[in-house]
Every structure is written in structure tokens, then in C-alpha cells.
Amino acid sequence: MSFTLHEAKIKIHQLCLEAIENKKLLVVERLKEIEESSNTESKSSMGDKYETTREMAAIDRNNLGEQLSFLEQQERALHGIDPKHKNTSVRQGTLIKTGKNLYYISVSLGRIDLDDTSAFAISPVSPLGQALLDSEKGNAITLNGITYQIEDLT
């Protein structure tokens, strides 16, 4: 890693925001496709097929609406984090360096690639997130038989 842990945290935070924005764009695009498809669909002599197609489109719209709502919730959570703040114990917005990985306590996005390294964006309510909360540099926690030694955090 060619930058400090704190610089990595700021970059990872930005990458998380970008990942959510990209996911939102995909959902919005899919919603537009469904809307356009349902607007061009004409009722044929096969009424049942038409109604089934419209019902499936309504289900898809509802599911995509829920996905969009969830992504907006994650985005709000990220905007509530000041990535420039240096934490001394694990809480929302902390980047943790363990012997194996980097973990960003923020929202559940999974692996975030940053140059030659990667971090895992995890929720503070996830099992690992909960186990790490309030820990400090030098602490170790064990979850499911795996020990996580906190080498550094910010």
C-alpha cells in the first residue's frame, strides 16, 4: 500500500459512494426499461399472457423500488460518516487493519479494490462488525474460531 491507512480510508469511503451510485444507476436504468416495455406492450388476443406480463413487470418494479430504497439508505449512512475523522476505537466509519485484511465499518458492500490492495466494507450490525465495535489498536477478537488482531485503525 503506497499510502497511509488514513489516506486509504478516505479513498475507500469515496469508492463506496461510487459503488452505490453505480448500483443506483443500474437499478434506475432497469426501471426505465420495464416502464418502456410496458408502454410499448399492446394488448393482444391472448389477454392472459398480456395480464401476466404486466403483473410480472409490476413485481419487477416493486423489487427494483425496494433495491433503490435500500441503496439510498446505504448512501445516507455513508454521507453520515466523516472519513477524515481519526478514530481511536472501532465505530461506524473506522478503517481497521488486521493481520489479514482491511475492514471499513460503514455499509455492507463487500470487497472494495484500491490499487494493489482491497478492503471489505462491512456493516456495524454484521456479526464481524458487532464483534469489532469498541475495540482498540492491539486488541484481538475471535469470531467463529477466527482471531482478528487489530494492528491499526483510523
Protein backbone atom coordinates (compact mmCIF):
# COMPACT_ATOMS: atom_id res chain seq x y z
CA MET A 1 0.00 0.00 0.00
CA SER A 2 1.61 3.22 -1.16
CA PHE A 3 -0.41 5.49 1.14
CA THR A 4 -1.19 5.77 4.83
CA LEU A 5 -4.07 3.92 6.44
CA HIS A 6 -5.89 7.22 6.90
CA GLU A 7 -5.45 8.13 3.21
CA ALA A 8 -6.72 4.65 2.32
CA LYS A 9 -9.82 5.23 4.46
CA ILE A 10 -10.67 8.44 2.60
CA LYS A 11 -10.20 6.70 -0.77
CA ILE A 12 -12.20 3.63 0.28
CA HIS A 13 -15.03 5.85 1.50
CA GLN A 14 -15.15 7.53 -1.92
CA LEU A 15 -15.07 4.15 -3.68
CA CYS A 16 -18.01 3.01 -1.54
CA LEU A 17 -20.00 6.08 -2.57
CA GLU A 18 -19.14 5.42 -6.22
CA ALA A 19 -20.15 1.75 -5.94
CA ILE A 20 -23.54 2.71 -4.53
CA GLU A 21 -24.04 5.36 -7.22
CA ASN A 22 -23.22 2.81 -9.93
CA LYS A 23 -25.68 0.32 -8.44
CA LYS A 24 -28.36 3.03 -8.27
CA LEU A 25 -27.79 3.89 -11.94
CA LEU A 26 -28.24 0.23 -12.90
CA VAL A 27 -31.50 -0.02 -10.94
CA VAL A 28 -32.85 3.22 -12.44
CA GLU A 29 -31.90 2.04 -15.94
CA ARG A 30 -33.70 -1.27 -15.35
CA LEU A 31 -36.78 0.60 -14.08
CA LYS A 32 -36.79 2.70 -17.27
CA GLU A 33 -36.53 -0.46 -19.40
CA ILE A 34 -39.51 -2.01 -17.62
CA GLU A 35 -41.53 1.18 -17.99
CA GLU A 36 -40.71 1.46 -21.70
CA SER A 37 -41.51 -2.20 -22.24
CA SER A 38 -44.87 -1.93 -20.52
CA ASN A 39 -45.71 1.23 -22.51
CA THR A 40 -45.00 -0.48 -25.84
CA GLU A 41 -46.70 -3.76 -24.91
CA SER A 42 -50.05 -3.91 -26.63
CA LYS A 43 -52.97 -6.00 -25.56
CA SER A 44 -53.31 -8.91 -27.93
CA SER A 45 -55.95 -11.54 -28.35
CA MET A 46 -54.03 -13.50 -25.75
CA GLY A 47 -55.35 -11.47 -22.79
CA ASP A 48 -53.99 -13.79 -20.10
CA LYS A 49 -50.43 -13.51 -21.45
CA TYR A 50 -50.75 -9.72 -21.51
CA GLU A 51 -52.02 -9.58 -17.93
CA THR A 52 -49.31 -11.99 -16.72
CA THR A 53 -46.62 -9.89 -18.40
CA ARG A 54 -47.98 -6.71 -16.82
CA GLU A 55 -48.16 -8.36 -13.39
CA MET A 56 -44.57 -9.61 -13.68
CA ALA A 57 -43.46 -6.11 -14.69
CA ALA A 58 -45.25 -4.70 -11.62
CA ILE A 59 -43.44 -7.22 -9.39
CA ASP A 60 -40.10 -6.30 -11.00
CA ARG A 61 -40.83 -2.57 -10.49
CA ASN A 62 -41.66 -3.21 -6.84
CA ASN A 63 -38.48 -5.25 -6.26
CA LEU A 64 -36.33 -2.65 -8.01
CA GLY A 65 -38.01 0.09 -5.99
CA GLU A 66 -37.03 -1.74 -2.80
CA GLN A 67 -33.45 -2.12 -4.06
CA LEU A 68 -33.29 1.58 -4.86
CA SER A 69 -34.64 2.47 -1.43
CA PHE A 70 -32.03 0.24 0.24
CA LEU A 71 -29.22 1.78 -1.83
CA GLU A 72 -30.41 5.28 -0.89
CA GLN A 73 -30.38 4.21 2.77
CA GLN A 74 -26.79 2.99 2.39
CA GLU A 75 -25.86 6.23 0.66
CA ARG A 76 -27.32 8.29 3.52
CA ALA A 77 -25.38 6.18 6.02
CA LEU A 78 -22.15 6.82 4.12
CA HIS A 79 -22.84 10.55 3.89
CA GLY A 80 -23.22 10.49 7.69
CA ILE A 81 -19.60 9.36 8.04
CA ASP A 82 -16.74 11.85 8.07
CA PRO A 83 -13.88 9.84 6.51
CA LYS A 84 -11.35 12.47 7.64
CA HIS A 85 -12.12 11.80 11.31
CA LYS A 86 -9.44 9.70 13.00
CA ASN A 87 -10.96 7.10 15.30
CA THR A 88 -9.15 5.59 18.28
CA SER A 89 -11.65 2.78 18.75
CA VAL A 90 -13.83 0.86 16.32
CA ARG A 91 -17.12 2.51 15.43
CA GLN A 92 -19.06 3.47 12.30
CA GLY A 93 -16.54 4.98 9.87
CA THR A 94 -13.44 3.19 11.15
CA LEU A 95 -10.93 1.52 8.84
CA ILE A 96 -9.30 -1.43 10.58
CA LYS A 97 -6.09 -3.19 9.58
CA THR A 98 -5.87 -6.78 10.78
CA GLY A 99 -3.17 -9.31 10.03
CA LYS A 100 -5.14 -10.48 7.00
CA ASN A 101 -7.39 -7.72 5.71
CA LEU A 102 -8.66 -4.17 5.87
CA TYR A 103 -12.23 -3.66 7.09
CA TYR A 104 -14.21 -0.46 6.67
CA ILE A 105 -17.06 -0.29 9.18
CA SER A 106 -19.69 1.50 7.15
CA VAL A 107 -22.24 -0.30 4.97
CA SER A 108 -22.31 -3.81 3.62
CA LEU A 109 -20.74 -3.62 0.16
CA GLY A 110 -18.25 -6.44 0.29
CA ARG A 111 -14.84 -6.22 -1.34
CA ILE A 112 -13.59 -2.80 -2.42
CA ASP A 113 -10.42 -2.79 -4.54
CA LEU A 114 -7.94 0.02 -4.04
CA ASP A 115 -4.80 -0.02 -6.17
CA ASP A 116 -2.79 -3.06 -5.07
CA THR A 117 -4.89 -3.82 -2.00
CA SER A 118 -8.51 -4.40 -1.10
CA ALA A 119 -10.76 -3.77 1.86
CA PHE A 120 -14.08 -5.16 2.93
CA ALA A 121 -16.88 -2.68 3.56
CA ILE A 122 -18.96 -4.22 6.34
CA SER A 123 -21.93 -3.08 8.34
CA PRO A 124 -21.55 -2.39 12.05
CA VAL A 125 -24.55 -4.69 12.61
CA SER A 126 -22.91 -7.63 10.83
CA PRO A 127 -21.52 -10.33 13.15
CA LEU A 128 -17.93 -9.21 12.50
CA GLY A 129 -18.86 -5.54 12.74
CA GLN A 130 -20.57 -6.11 16.10
CA ALA A 131 -17.61 -8.13 17.39
CA LEU A 132 -15.16 -5.37 16.41
CA LEU A 133 -17.15 -2.42 17.83
CA ASP A 134 -15.37 -0.54 20.64
CA SER A 135 -12.12 -2.48 20.07
CA GLU A 136 -8.85 -0.58 20.02
CA LYS A 137 -5.46 -0.94 18.36
CA GLY A 138 -3.74 -4.04 19.72
CA ASN A 139 -6.99 -5.80 20.69
CA ALA A 140 -7.89 -9.18 19.28
CA ILE A 141 -11.37 -10.60 18.82
CA THR A 142 -12.37 -14.12 17.90
CA LEU A 143 -15.41 -14.88 15.78
CA ASN A 144 -16.32 -18.34 14.52
CA GLY A 145 -12.92 -19.66 15.50
CA ILE A 146 -11.04 -16.94 13.59
CA THR A 147 -8.94 -14.42 15.50
CA TYR A 148 -8.75 -10.86 14.21
CA GLN A 149 -5.77 -8.94 15.59
CA ILE A 150 -6.23 -5.17 15.21
CA GLU A 151 -2.85 -3.90 14.04
CA ASP A 152 -4.01 -0.37 13.32
CA LEU A 153 -7.16 1.69 12.83
CA THR A 154 -8.27 5.16 11.84
